N, C-alpha and C. Protein backbone atom coordinates (compact mmCIF):
# COMPACT_ATOMS: atom_id res chain seq x y z
N UNK A 1 4.90 -13.36 6.69
CA UNK A 1 6.08 -12.98 7.13
C UNK A 1 6.71 -11.55 7.75
N UNK A 2 6.43 -10.33 6.83
CA UNK A 2 6.60 -9.31 7.37
C UNK A 2 5.55 -8.57 7.28
N UNK A 3 5.67 -7.28 7.85
CA UNK A 3 4.30 -6.47 7.24
C UNK A 3 4.10 -5.77 6.20
N UNK A 4 3.39 -5.83 5.17
CA UNK A 4 3.61 -5.46 4.35
C UNK A 4 3.57 -4.20 3.55
N UNK A 5 4.38 -3.73 2.24
CA UNK A 5 4.58 -2.53 2.34
C UNK A 5 5.08 -1.63 3.00
N UNK A 6 6.08 -2.08 3.91
CA UNK A 6 6.53 -1.23 4.85
C UNK A 6 8.14 -1.64 4.91
N UNK A 7 8.95 -0.26 5.43
CA UNK A 7 10.32 -0.66 5.22
C UNK A 7 11.10 -1.62 5.57
N UNK A 8 10.56 -1.85 7.24
CA UNK A 8 10.67 -3.35 7.44
C UNK A 8 11.10 -4.52 6.68
N UNK A 9 9.60 -4.80 5.97
CA UNK A 9 9.81 -5.75 5.08
C UNK A 9 10.81 -5.74 3.67
N UNK A 10 10.47 -4.26 3.46
CA UNK A 10 11.81 -4.24 2.46
C UNK A 10 13.45 -4.45 2.53
N UNK A 11 13.70 -3.98 4.15
CA UNK A 11 14.68 -4.01 4.82
C UNK A 11 15.01 -5.75 5.12
N UNK A 12 14.59 -6.09 5.54
CA UNK A 12 14.55 -7.70 5.56
C UNK A 12 14.53 -8.59 4.41
N UNK A 13 14.06 -8.10 3.43
CA UNK A 13 14.20 -8.77 1.84
C UNK A 13 15.00 -8.47 1.00
N UNK A 14 15.98 -7.79 1.49
CA UNK A 14 16.80 -7.59 0.16
C UNK A 14 17.28 -8.34 -0.17
N UNK A 15 17.77 -8.76 1.08
CA UNK A 15 19.23 -10.23 0.48
C UNK A 15 18.92 -11.03 0.18
N UNK A 16 17.68 -11.22 -0.17
CA UNK A 16 16.93 -12.81 -0.56
C UNK A 16 16.20 -12.20 -2.16
N UNK A 17 16.00 -11.28 -2.36
CA UNK A 17 15.20 -10.71 -3.68
C UNK A 17 16.08 -10.00 -4.90
N UNK A 18 15.65 -9.67 -6.24
CA UNK A 18 16.55 -8.91 -6.57
C UNK A 18 15.77 -7.77 -6.82
N UNK A 19 15.02 -7.54 -6.61
CA UNK A 19 13.54 -6.20 -6.42
C UNK A 19 12.81 -5.72 -5.51
N UNK A 20 12.38 -4.79 -5.61
CA UNK A 20 10.91 -4.78 -4.36
C UNK A 20 9.93 -3.97 -5.38
N UNK A 21 8.83 -4.52 -4.60
CA UNK A 21 7.44 -4.24 -5.45
C UNK A 21 6.61 -3.60 -4.14
N UNK A 22 6.13 -2.06 -4.70
CA UNK A 22 5.25 -1.74 -3.93
C UNK A 22 4.18 -0.90 -4.28
N UNK A 23 2.88 -0.79 -3.85
CA UNK A 23 2.10 -0.26 -4.18
C UNK A 23 1.87 1.44 -3.58
N UNK A 24 1.29 2.00 -4.53
CA UNK A 24 1.25 3.52 -4.24
C UNK A 24 -0.18 4.27 -4.61
N UNK A 25 -0.44 4.78 -3.71
CA UNK A 25 -1.70 5.95 -3.70
C UNK A 25 -1.87 7.40 -3.09
N UNK A 26 -2.33 8.51 -3.55
CA UNK A 26 -2.60 9.45 -2.91
C UNK A 26 -3.53 9.61 -1.80
N UNK A 27 -2.85 10.22 -0.09
CA UNK A 27 -4.10 10.36 0.46
C UNK A 27 -4.62 11.80 1.08
N UNK A 28 -5.23 11.89 1.79
CA UNK A 28 -6.29 13.12 1.85
C UNK A 28 -5.67 14.46 1.67
N UNK A 29 -4.33 14.63 2.51
CA UNK A 29 -3.06 15.88 2.43
C UNK A 29 -2.40 15.78 1.23
N UNK A 30 -2.13 14.32 0.51
CA UNK A 30 -1.65 14.82 -1.00
C UNK A 30 -0.44 14.32 -1.03
N UNK A 31 0.09 13.58 -0.04
CA UNK A 31 1.01 12.51 0.13
C UNK A 31 0.85 11.26 -0.74
N UNK A 32 2.22 10.80 -1.38
CA UNK A 32 1.87 9.51 -2.57
C UNK A 32 2.64 8.63 -0.92
N UNK A 33 1.81 7.55 -0.73
CA UNK A 33 1.84 6.65 0.55
C UNK A 33 1.77 5.35 -0.27
N UNK A 34 2.53 4.48 0.28
CA UNK A 34 2.75 3.00 0.29
C UNK A 34 2.15 1.93 0.84
N UNK A 35 0.84 2.06 -0.15
CA UNK A 35 -0.18 0.75 0.50
C UNK A 35 -0.97 0.31 -0.50
N UNK A 36 -1.66 -1.15 -0.08
CA UNK A 36 -2.33 -1.37 -1.48
C UNK A 36 -3.38 -1.13 -1.54
N UNK A 37 -4.22 -1.31 -0.31
CA UNK A 37 -5.57 -1.14 -0.34
C UNK A 37 -6.19 -0.19 -0.39
N UNK A 38 -7.38 0.07 -0.93
CA UNK A 38 -8.06 1.64 -1.12
C UNK A 38 -8.69 1.66 0.69
N UNK A 39 -8.59 0.82 1.06
CA UNK A 39 -8.94 0.92 2.86
C UNK A 39 -8.13 0.52 3.77
N UNK A 40 -8.35 1.18 5.06
CA UNK A 40 -7.19 1.06 5.95
C UNK A 40 -7.67 -0.47 6.57
N UNK A 41 -9.05 -0.75 6.75
CA UNK A 41 -9.22 -1.58 7.62
C UNK A 41 -8.61 -3.41 7.98
N UNK A 42 -7.78 -3.60 6.59
CA UNK A 42 -7.54 -5.12 6.89
C UNK A 42 -6.62 -5.12 7.33
N UNK A 43 -5.55 -4.51 7.17
CA UNK A 43 -4.23 -4.70 7.80
C UNK A 43 -3.53 -3.18 8.73
N UNK A 44 -4.21 -2.01 8.88
CA UNK A 44 -4.04 -1.77 9.68
C UNK A 44 -5.05 -1.10 11.23
N UNK A 45 -4.35 -0.76 12.25
CA UNK A 45 -5.45 -0.74 13.50
C UNK A 45 -6.11 0.94 12.83
N UNK A 46 -6.40 1.26 11.93
CA UNK A 46 -7.47 2.87 11.26
C UNK A 46 -8.49 1.70 10.72
N UNK A 47 -9.75 2.92 9.99
CA UNK A 47 -10.79 2.25 9.09
C UNK A 47 -10.70 3.59 8.53
N UNK A 48 -11.30 3.19 7.52
CA UNK A 48 -11.89 4.21 6.15
C UNK A 48 -10.60 4.44 5.57
N UNK A 49 -11.08 5.06 4.05
CA UNK A 49 -10.52 5.28 3.10
C UNK A 49 -9.17 5.86 2.92
N UNK A 50 -8.00 5.49 2.72
CA UNK A 50 -6.81 6.27 2.51
C UNK A 50 -6.83 7.51 2.11
N UNK A 51 -7.87 7.83 1.13
CA UNK A 51 -8.11 8.91 0.35
C UNK A 51 -8.63 10.03 1.07
N UNK A 52 -9.32 9.68 1.95
CA UNK A 52 -9.81 10.28 3.12
C UNK A 52 -9.29 10.51 4.46
N UNK A 53 -7.98 10.13 4.14
CA UNK A 53 -7.32 9.96 5.74
C UNK A 53 -6.15 10.95 5.26
N UNK A 54 -5.70 12.01 6.32
CA UNK A 54 -4.46 12.71 6.19
C UNK A 54 -3.10 12.06 6.51
N UNK A 55 -2.37 12.56 6.16
CA UNK A 55 -0.46 12.14 6.22
C UNK A 55 -0.73 11.71 7.89
N UNK A 56 -0.50 12.93 8.04
CA UNK A 56 -0.52 12.93 9.60
C UNK A 56 -1.39 12.13 10.60
N UNK A 57 -2.42 11.47 10.04
CA UNK A 57 -3.46 10.50 10.75
C UNK A 57 -2.70 8.96 10.31
N UNK A 58 -2.73 9.00 9.26
CA UNK A 58 -1.58 7.32 9.07
C UNK A 58 -0.29 7.33 9.21
N UNK A 59 0.48 8.20 9.42
CA UNK A 59 1.63 8.31 9.97
C UNK A 59 1.57 7.83 11.34
N UNK A 60 0.63 7.73 11.92
CA UNK A 60 0.74 7.34 13.29
C UNK A 60 0.08 5.52 13.47
N UNK A 61 -0.63 5.14 12.08
CA UNK A 61 -1.32 3.94 12.30
C UNK A 61 -0.05 2.96 12.26
N UNK A 62 -0.20 1.94 12.76
CA UNK A 62 0.55 0.82 12.45
C UNK A 62 0.18 -0.76 11.77
N UNK A 63 1.43 -1.56 11.04
CA UNK A 63 0.73 -2.58 10.11
C UNK A 63 0.59 -3.56 11.14
N UNK A 64 -0.72 -4.29 10.90
CA UNK A 64 -1.23 -5.73 11.62
C UNK A 64 -0.52 -6.24 13.27
N UNK A 65 -0.54 -4.98 13.69
CA UNK A 65 -0.18 -4.60 14.81
C UNK A 65 1.36 -5.01 15.49
N UNK A 66 2.03 -4.59 14.09
CA UNK A 66 3.74 -5.14 14.05
C UNK A 66 4.56 -3.98 15.04
N UNK A 67 3.45 -2.48 14.74
CA UNK A 67 4.55 -1.39 14.92
C UNK A 67 5.40 -0.43 13.78
N UNK A 68 4.94 -0.93 12.77
CA UNK A 68 5.43 -0.69 11.42
C UNK A 68 4.72 0.50 10.98
N UNK A 69 5.14 1.12 10.28
CA UNK A 69 3.70 2.19 9.59
C UNK A 69 4.33 2.74 8.28
N UNK A 70 3.19 2.98 7.94
CA UNK A 70 2.60 3.13 6.78
C UNK A 70 3.91 4.34 5.94
N UNK A 71 4.81 4.03 4.99
CA UNK A 71 5.67 4.74 4.48
C UNK A 71 5.34 5.64 3.03
N UNK A 72 5.97 6.64 2.82
CA UNK A 72 5.48 7.58 1.34
C UNK A 72 6.27 6.65 0.61
N UNK A 73 6.39 7.46 -0.43
CA UNK A 73 6.99 6.43 -2.18
C UNK A 73 8.20 7.22 -1.61
N UNK A 74 8.55 8.68 -1.17
CA UNK A 74 10.11 8.85 -1.32
C UNK A 74 10.73 8.20 0.15
N UNK A 75 9.82 7.61 1.05
CA UNK A 75 11.08 6.56 1.73
C UNK A 75 11.44 5.48 1.38
N UNK A 76 10.50 5.14 0.55
CA UNK A 76 10.63 3.45 -0.41
C UNK A 76 11.88 3.85 -0.90
N UNK A 77 12.15 4.87 -1.76
CA UNK A 77 12.75 4.73 -2.62
C UNK A 77 14.44 5.36 -1.79
N UNK A 78 14.87 5.65 -0.91
CA UNK A 78 15.66 5.83 0.24
C UNK A 78 15.81 4.47 0.56
N UNK A 79 14.66 3.64 0.80
CA UNK A 79 15.55 2.19 1.39
C UNK A 79 15.60 1.68 0.65
N UNK A 80 15.47 1.86 -1.01
CA UNK A 80 15.80 0.28 -1.64
C UNK A 80 17.45 0.92 -2.29
N UNK A 81 18.18 -0.46 -2.36
CA UNK A 81 19.54 0.65 -2.61
C UNK A 81 19.82 0.33 -3.88
N UNK A 82 20.64 1.32 -4.77
CA UNK A 82 20.62 1.13 -5.82
C UNK A 82 20.89 -0.40 -6.44
N UNK A 83 21.22 -1.47 -6.49
CA UNK A 83 21.40 -2.41 -6.42
C UNK A 83 20.19 -3.51 -6.81
N UNK A 84 18.99 -2.99 -6.47
CA UNK A 84 17.63 -3.17 -6.68
C UNK A 84 17.09 -2.77 -7.58
N UNK A 85 16.41 -3.58 -8.16
CA UNK A 85 15.18 -2.70 -9.20
C UNK A 85 13.85 -2.59 -8.03
N UNK A 86 13.91 -1.60 -8.47
CA UNK A 86 11.99 -1.15 -7.62
C UNK A 86 11.12 -0.93 -8.52
N UNK A 87 9.83 -1.53 -8.50
CA UNK A 87 8.95 -1.69 -9.33
C UNK A 87 7.86 -1.33 -8.48
N UNK A 88 7.32 -0.13 -9.45
CA UNK A 88 6.00 0.70 -8.24
C UNK A 88 4.61 0.28 -9.43
N UNK A 89 4.21 0.01 -8.81
CA UNK A 89 2.46 -0.41 -9.01
C UNK A 89 1.50 1.23 -8.98
N UNK A 90 1.12 1.80 -9.58
CA UNK A 90 0.14 3.02 -9.39
C UNK A 90 -1.52 2.36 -9.29
N UNK A 91 -1.99 2.61 -8.37
CA UNK A 91 -3.13 2.13 -8.02
C UNK A 91 -4.45 2.71 -8.30
N UNK A 92 -3.67 4.15 -8.66
CA UNK A 92 -5.20 5.08 -9.15
C UNK A 92 -4.24 6.06 -10.55
N UNK A 93 -4.94 6.83 -10.82
CA UNK A 93 -4.51 7.42 -12.23
C UNK A 93 -3.85 8.64 -11.99
N UNK A 94 -4.36 9.22 -10.86
CA UNK A 94 -3.88 10.37 -10.14
C UNK A 94 -2.63 10.49 -9.77
N UNK A 95 -1.97 9.22 -9.20
CA UNK A 95 -0.53 9.52 -8.54
C UNK A 95 0.35 9.13 -9.48
N UNK A 96 0.06 8.95 -11.02
CA UNK A 96 1.02 8.85 -11.99
C UNK A 96 2.00 10.05 -11.90
N UNK A 97 1.23 10.99 -12.04
CA UNK A 97 2.62 12.32 -12.59
C UNK A 97 3.59 12.63 -11.53
N UNK A 98 3.36 12.69 -10.41
CA UNK A 98 3.97 12.86 -9.08
C UNK A 98 4.67 11.67 -9.06
N UNK A 99 4.38 10.38 -9.08
CA UNK A 99 4.53 9.39 -8.70
C UNK A 99 5.86 9.45 -9.70
N UNK A 100 6.17 9.73 -11.14
CA UNK A 100 6.64 9.25 -11.98
C UNK A 100 8.21 10.42 -11.59
N UNK A 101 7.75 12.04 -11.48
CA UNK A 101 8.43 13.19 -11.04
C UNK A 101 9.45 12.44 -9.70
N UNK A 102 8.93 12.19 -8.91
CA UNK A 102 9.91 11.32 -7.83
C UNK A 102 10.81 10.11 -8.33
N UNK A 103 10.18 9.00 -9.37
CA UNK A 103 11.07 7.86 -9.98
C UNK A 103 12.09 8.57 -10.84
N UNK A 104 11.61 9.39 -11.57
CA UNK A 104 12.60 10.02 -12.62
C UNK A 104 14.06 9.91 -11.59
N UNK A 105 14.31 10.30 -10.79
CA UNK A 105 15.48 10.74 -10.03
C UNK A 105 15.85 9.34 -9.20
N UNK A 106 15.06 8.60 -8.83
CA UNK A 106 15.43 7.44 -7.84
C UNK A 106 16.46 7.26 -8.66
N UNK A 107 17.44 6.51 -7.56
CA UNK A 107 18.67 5.79 -8.15
C UNK A 107 18.62 4.71 -8.75
N UNK A 108 17.99 4.18 -8.32
CA UNK A 108 17.33 2.52 -8.96
C UNK A 108 17.03 2.17 -10.36
N UNK A 109 17.21 1.02 -10.85
CA UNK A 109 16.20 0.82 -11.97
C UNK A 109 14.71 -0.01 -11.60
N UNK A 110 14.35 1.22 -12.36
CA UNK A 110 12.47 1.39 -11.58
C UNK A 110 11.58 0.68 -12.96
N UNK A 111 10.75 0.16 -12.64
CA UNK A 111 9.53 -0.29 -13.42
C UNK A 111 8.59 0.45 -13.11
N UNK A 112 7.34 1.02 -13.80
CA UNK A 112 6.01 1.31 -13.24
C UNK A 112 5.24 0.86 -13.98
N UNK A 113 4.27 0.03 -12.98
CA UNK A 113 3.59 -0.74 -13.53
C UNK A 113 2.22 -0.14 -12.98
N UNK A 114 0.93 -0.53 -13.80
CA UNK A 114 -0.67 -0.38 -13.54
C UNK A 114 -1.38 -1.74 -13.69
N UNK A 115 -2.75 -1.47 -13.48
CA UNK A 115 -3.83 -2.23 -14.05
C UNK A 115 -4.67 -1.28 -14.85
N UNK A 116 -4.13 -0.02 -14.80
CA UNK A 116 -4.88 1.19 -15.51
C UNK A 116 -4.02 1.68 -16.81
N UNK A 117 -4.90 1.49 -17.98
CA UNK A 117 -4.08 1.90 -18.97
C UNK A 117 -4.02 3.40 -19.17
N UNK A 118 -4.67 4.08 -18.40
CA UNK A 118 -4.49 5.83 -18.79
C UNK A 118 -3.54 6.17 -17.60
N UNK A 119 -3.37 5.05 -16.70
CA UNK A 119 -1.88 6.06 -15.47
C UNK A 119 -1.07 5.45 -16.62
N UNK A 120 -0.82 3.97 -16.68
CA UNK A 120 0.68 4.06 -18.08
C UNK A 120 0.83 5.09 -18.73
N UNK A 121 0.06 5.42 -19.60
CA UNK A 121 0.11 6.32 -20.72
C UNK A 121 0.43 7.89 -19.84
N UNK A 122 0.14 8.21 -18.49
CA UNK A 122 0.47 9.39 -18.42
C UNK A 122 1.61 9.01 -17.64
N UNK A 123 2.08 8.18 -17.22
CA UNK A 123 3.47 7.47 -16.94
C UNK A 123 4.47 8.11 -17.86
N UNK A 124 4.39 7.48 -19.50
CA UNK A 124 4.73 7.43 -20.40
C UNK A 124 5.04 8.82 -20.61
N UNK A 125 3.87 9.94 -20.72
CA UNK A 125 3.81 11.40 -20.89
C UNK A 125 4.84 12.00 -19.98
N UNK A 126 4.87 12.04 -18.87
CA UNK A 126 5.52 12.54 -17.93
C UNK A 126 7.03 11.88 -17.66
N UNK A 127 7.09 10.68 -17.93
CA UNK A 127 8.63 10.55 -17.99
C UNK A 127 9.18 9.18 -18.99
N UNK A 128 9.24 9.62 -20.19
CA UNK A 128 9.20 8.52 -20.99
C UNK A 128 10.72 8.02 -20.62
N UNK A 129 11.09 8.01 -20.25
CA UNK A 129 12.71 7.35 -19.68
C UNK A 129 12.28 6.23 -19.18
N UNK A 130 11.30 6.09 -17.90
CA UNK A 130 11.06 5.12 -17.22
C UNK A 130 10.58 3.88 -18.25
N UNK A 131 10.75 2.98 -17.73
CA UNK A 131 10.19 1.42 -18.29
C UNK A 131 9.07 1.53 -17.42
N UNK A 132 7.64 1.04 -18.28
CA UNK A 132 6.27 0.82 -17.72
C UNK A 132 5.98 -0.96 -18.50
N UNK A 133 4.78 -1.43 -17.34
CA UNK A 133 4.56 -2.28 -17.47
C UNK A 133 3.14 -2.42 -17.56
N UNK A 134 1.96 -3.36 -18.48
CA UNK A 134 0.68 -3.12 -18.35
C UNK A 134 0.74 -4.37 -17.47
N UNK A 135 -0.43 -4.57 -16.29
CA UNK A 135 -0.79 -5.65 -15.52
C UNK A 135 -1.97 -6.19 -16.15
N UNK A 136 -2.07 -7.52 -15.85
CA UNK A 136 -2.92 -8.36 -16.73
C UNK A 136 -3.20 -9.50 -15.47
N UNK A 137 -4.63 -9.00 -15.14
CA UNK A 137 -5.77 -9.89 -14.52
C UNK A 137 -5.98 -11.19 -14.41
N UNK A 138 -6.13 -12.01 -13.70
CA UNK A 138 -6.41 -13.37 -13.80
C UNK A 138 -7.61 -13.45 -14.88
N UNK A 139 -7.18 -14.35 -15.79
CA UNK A 139 -8.24 -14.65 -17.06
C UNK A 139 -8.12 -13.75 -17.81
N UNK A 140 -7.50 -12.39 -18.01
CA UNK A 140 -7.47 -11.76 -18.83
C UNK A 140 -7.22 -12.20 -20.46
N UNK A 141 -7.17 -11.76 -21.61
CA UNK A 141 -6.82 -12.29 -22.79
C UNK A 141 -5.78 -11.62 -22.85
N UNK A 142 -4.71 -12.68 -22.99
CA UNK A 142 -2.91 -11.82 -23.58
C UNK A 142 -2.96 -11.01 -24.29
N UNK A 143 -3.77 -11.61 -25.91
CA UNK A 143 -3.49 -11.19 -26.69
C UNK A 143 -3.97 -9.41 -27.06
N UNK A 144 -4.26 -9.66 -26.17
CA UNK A 144 -5.74 -7.93 -25.96
C UNK A 144 -4.55 -7.35 -25.29
N UNK A 145 -4.04 -8.12 -24.43
CA UNK A 145 -2.92 -6.79 -22.98
C UNK A 145 -2.09 -6.88 -23.81
N UNK A 146 -1.79 -7.66 -24.82
CA UNK A 146 -0.16 -7.33 -25.84
C UNK A 146 0.03 -6.17 -26.75
N UNK A 147 -1.63 -6.37 -27.04
CA UNK A 147 -1.94 -5.13 -27.74
C UNK A 147 -1.69 -3.68 -27.48
N UNK A 148 -2.73 -3.83 -25.97
CA UNK A 148 -2.32 -2.66 -25.42
C UNK A 148 -1.69 -1.97 -25.02
N UNK A 149 -0.53 -3.11 -24.47
CA UNK A 149 0.68 -2.89 -24.25
C UNK A 149 1.78 -1.96 -25.17
N UNK A 150 1.31 -2.71 -26.21
CA UNK A 150 2.17 -2.21 -27.43
C UNK A 150 2.14 -1.06 -27.51
N UNK A 151 0.53 -0.43 -27.91
CA UNK A 151 -0.09 0.93 -28.21
C UNK A 151 0.30 1.85 -26.91
N UNK A 152 0.32 1.43 -25.82
CA UNK A 152 1.24 2.00 -24.84
C UNK A 152 2.81 2.26 -24.29
N UNK A 153 3.62 1.61 -25.44
CA UNK A 153 4.35 1.79 -25.59
C UNK A 153 5.53 0.91 -24.40
N UNK A 154 4.67 -0.01 -24.02
CA UNK A 154 5.43 -0.50 -22.65
C UNK A 154 6.28 -1.70 -22.58
N UNK A 155 7.59 -2.04 -22.00
CA UNK A 155 8.20 -3.00 -22.04
C UNK A 155 7.75 -4.12 -21.80
N UNK A 156 7.29 -4.08 -20.29
CA UNK A 156 6.08 -5.26 -19.82
C UNK A 156 5.28 -5.61 -20.14
N UNK A 157 4.89 -6.98 -20.00
CA UNK A 157 2.90 -7.34 -19.61
C UNK A 157 3.62 -8.26 -18.29
N UNK A 158 3.17 -8.02 -17.68
CA UNK A 158 3.07 -8.70 -16.38
C UNK A 158 1.60 -9.19 -15.73
N UNK A 159 1.39 -10.90 -16.50
CA UNK A 159 -0.05 -11.26 -15.57
C UNK A 159 0.41 -11.96 -14.96
N UNK A 160 -1.26 -12.38 -14.57
CA UNK A 160 -1.08 -13.37 -13.15
C UNK A 160 -0.41 -14.50 -13.33
N UNK A 161 -0.21 -15.27 -12.72
CA UNK A 161 1.10 -16.51 -13.24
C UNK A 161 0.17 -17.71 -13.51
N UNK A 162 -0.88 -17.47 -13.39
CA UNK A 162 -1.81 -18.88 -13.91
C UNK A 162 -1.87 -18.53 -15.42
N UNK A 163 -1.85 -17.15 -16.23
CA UNK A 163 -1.64 -17.15 -17.54
C UNK A 163 -0.60 -17.63 -17.95
N UNK A 164 0.63 -17.25 -17.46
CA UNK A 164 1.89 -18.08 -17.72
C UNK A 164 1.84 -19.61 -17.91
N UNK A 165 1.66 -20.27 -17.17
CA UNK A 165 1.22 -21.31 -17.29
C UNK A 165 0.01 -22.00 -18.33
N UNK A 166 -0.61 -20.86 -18.93
CA UNK A 166 -1.24 -21.48 -19.86
C UNK A 166 -0.28 -21.51 -21.45
N UNK A 167 -0.29 -23.06 -22.06
CA UNK A 167 0.13 -22.66 -23.30
C UNK A 167 1.79 -21.84 -23.33
N UNK A 168 1.78 -21.61 -24.43
CA UNK A 168 3.03 -21.36 -24.93
C UNK A 168 2.55 -19.29 -24.64
N UNK A 169 1.87 -19.21 -23.49
CA UNK A 169 1.55 -17.53 -23.38
C UNK A 169 2.80 -16.77 -23.11
N UNK A 170 3.61 -17.21 -22.25
CA UNK A 170 5.03 -16.59 -22.26
C UNK A 170 5.52 -16.24 -23.09
N UNK A 171 5.92 -17.43 -24.20
CA UNK A 171 6.42 -17.19 -25.47
C UNK A 171 5.76 -15.78 -26.48
N UNK A 172 4.69 -16.29 -26.40
CA UNK A 172 4.05 -15.01 -27.51
C UNK A 172 4.27 -14.05 -26.61
N UNK A 173 4.18 -13.64 -25.87
CA UNK A 173 4.47 -12.19 -24.97
C UNK A 173 6.03 -11.86 -25.30
N UNK A 174 7.10 -12.88 -25.26
CA UNK A 174 8.47 -12.97 -25.98
C UNK A 174 8.15 -12.07 -27.35
N UNK A 175 7.69 -13.28 -27.53
CA UNK A 175 7.87 -12.65 -29.24
C UNK A 175 7.16 -11.62 -29.43
N UNK A 176 6.09 -10.70 -29.21
CA UNK A 176 6.16 -9.27 -28.84
C UNK A 176 6.46 -8.42 -28.67
N UNK A 177 8.27 -8.82 -27.99
CA UNK A 177 8.68 -8.04 -27.55
C UNK A 177 8.87 -7.46 -26.24
N UNK A 178 7.87 -8.41 -25.24
CA UNK A 178 7.74 -7.55 -23.77
C UNK A 178 8.62 -8.90 -22.76
N UNK A 179 9.24 -7.88 -22.03
CA UNK A 179 9.33 -8.60 -20.67
C UNK A 179 8.35 -8.91 -19.78
N UNK A 180 8.23 -10.44 -19.29
CA UNK A 180 7.14 -10.98 -18.74
C UNK A 180 7.50 -11.49 -17.12
N UNK A 181 6.83 -10.59 -16.21
CA UNK A 181 6.97 -10.59 -14.60
C UNK A 181 5.55 -11.45 -14.86
N UNK A 182 5.75 -12.68 -13.80
CA UNK A 182 4.44 -13.62 -13.31
C UNK A 182 4.14 -13.01 -11.90
N UNK A 183 2.67 -12.30 -11.49
CA UNK A 183 2.35 -12.44 -10.06
C UNK A 183 0.92 -13.03 -9.94
N UNK A 184 0.90 -12.97 -8.48
CA UNK A 184 1.88 -13.06 -7.59
C UNK A 184 1.88 -14.63 -6.95
N UNK A 185 2.76 -15.16 -6.71
CA UNK A 185 2.99 -15.87 -6.61
C UNK A 185 3.36 -16.54 -4.47
N UNK A 186 2.16 -17.17 -4.25
CA UNK A 186 2.51 -16.88 -2.71
C UNK A 186 2.51 -18.49 -2.10
N UNK A 187 3.16 -19.26 -2.98
CA UNK A 187 3.52 -20.83 -2.21
C UNK A 187 4.34 -21.61 -3.52
N UNK A 188 5.58 -22.27 -3.22
CA UNK A 188 6.37 -22.94 -3.98
C UNK A 188 5.62 -23.68 -5.15
N UNK A 189 4.56 -23.77 -5.23
CA UNK A 189 4.40 -24.66 -6.44
C UNK A 189 4.17 -24.31 -7.71
N UNK A 190 4.10 -23.43 -8.13
CA UNK A 190 4.11 -23.49 -9.52
C UNK A 190 5.21 -22.33 -10.21
N UNK A 191 6.59 -22.56 -9.17
CA UNK A 191 7.67 -21.84 -9.11
C UNK A 191 8.49 -22.35 -10.35
N UNK A 192 8.78 -23.91 -10.29
CA UNK A 192 9.63 -24.29 -11.05
C UNK A 192 8.53 -24.49 -12.76
N UNK A 193 7.80 -24.63 -12.87
CA UNK A 193 6.54 -24.49 -14.43
C UNK A 193 7.38 -23.10 -14.71
N UNK A 194 6.93 -22.23 -13.88
CA UNK A 194 7.23 -20.91 -14.61
C UNK A 194 8.28 -20.74 -14.82
N UNK A 195 9.43 -21.14 -14.51
CA UNK A 195 10.73 -21.08 -14.66
C UNK A 195 11.01 -21.40 -15.89
N UNK A 196 10.30 -23.18 -15.55
CA UNK A 196 10.54 -23.88 -16.95
C UNK A 196 9.70 -23.15 -18.47
N UNK A 197 8.73 -22.12 -18.12
CA UNK A 197 8.01 -21.62 -19.13
C UNK A 197 8.93 -19.98 -19.60
N UNK A 198 10.09 -19.63 -18.74
CA UNK A 198 10.75 -19.09 -19.18
C UNK A 198 10.06 -17.53 -18.92
N UNK A 199 9.54 -17.05 -17.80
CA UNK A 199 9.20 -15.73 -17.09
C UNK A 199 10.78 -15.01 -16.91
N UNK A 200 10.72 -14.16 -17.12
CA UNK A 200 11.60 -12.71 -17.08
C UNK A 200 11.77 -13.21 -14.95
N UNK A 201 10.74 -12.91 -14.59
CA UNK A 201 10.66 -12.31 -12.95
C UNK A 201 9.46 -12.86 -12.56
N UNK A 202 9.46 -13.44 -11.18
CA UNK A 202 8.57 -13.72 -10.02
C UNK A 202 8.13 -12.20 -8.74
N UNK A 203 6.84 -12.04 -8.96
CA UNK A 203 6.72 -11.64 -8.09
C UNK A 203 5.91 -11.91 -7.15
N UNK A 204 6.29 -11.90 -5.69
CA UNK A 204 6.22 -13.32 -4.54
C UNK A 204 5.67 -12.10 -3.27
N UNK A 205 4.95 -12.48 -2.81
CA UNK A 205 4.39 -11.71 -1.26
C UNK A 205 5.30 -11.99 -0.68
N UNK A 206 6.04 -13.32 -0.39
CA UNK A 206 7.07 -13.77 0.61
C UNK A 206 8.33 -14.38 -0.39
N UNK A 207 9.29 -14.12 0.14
CA UNK A 207 10.17 -14.24 -0.28
C UNK A 207 10.80 -16.11 0.14
N UNK A 208 10.49 -16.34 1.14
CA UNK A 208 11.12 -18.04 1.08
C UNK A 208 10.46 -18.93 0.57
N UNK A 209 8.96 -18.61 -0.45
CA UNK A 209 8.35 -19.54 -1.30
C UNK A 209 9.45 -19.75 -2.28
N UNK A 210 10.68 -18.72 -2.52
CA UNK A 210 11.65 -19.27 -3.68
C UNK A 210 12.66 -19.99 -2.90
N UNK A 211 12.89 -19.94 -1.75
CA UNK A 211 13.54 -20.90 -1.02
C UNK A 211 13.08 -22.43 -0.92
N UNK A 212 11.85 -22.26 -0.59
CA UNK A 212 11.12 -23.49 -0.61
C UNK A 212 10.55 -24.39 -1.98
N UNK A 213 11.19 -23.40 -3.17
CA UNK A 213 10.78 -24.15 -4.14
C UNK A 213 12.28 -24.54 -4.82
N UNK A 214 13.30 -24.14 -4.24
CA UNK A 214 14.69 -24.69 -4.47
C UNK A 214 15.45 -23.85 -5.20
């Protein structure tokens, strides 16, 4: 639909969604950039590791041949209005301190999430006022994840959507005090079941799947 993790995708999606989710990592010159993969090859006209590429080089690349550029985290903060939640995934432990320093002053309702418990622990130390969430991979034991999230003082546990369809998993996470966002839904089929199981939010790659689901 739109090139991922770009300002054009954010701006064209705002009228269809309640929040924007992006991925953050650090490039070779130290800037925090919004990019999912550790390598550039899949979605850009460049190659190599983001961590080994300077911002001066990254800013010249385009995403999926669209002409859209890789943004920095501060560019995304500026692009998302305060009417929308901003969900930021920390892809690396080393970005937690600087990312949270920026996000503390952001006008949006911010959720910082990660698959990396040490990154969440660092976020809570640097910016305890921010909400945090532990991401759970497909097949993860949600009881274990809930215990880890509780130890980290998270407000969210965000599982792969398939886990939310397993029995009373969502209710158990709610009972443990967590808000639950299911990720990443790439088609309309599971949406009705997820909503029936009372998930609090859906993380999607394409907003049109929400409309297709009705």
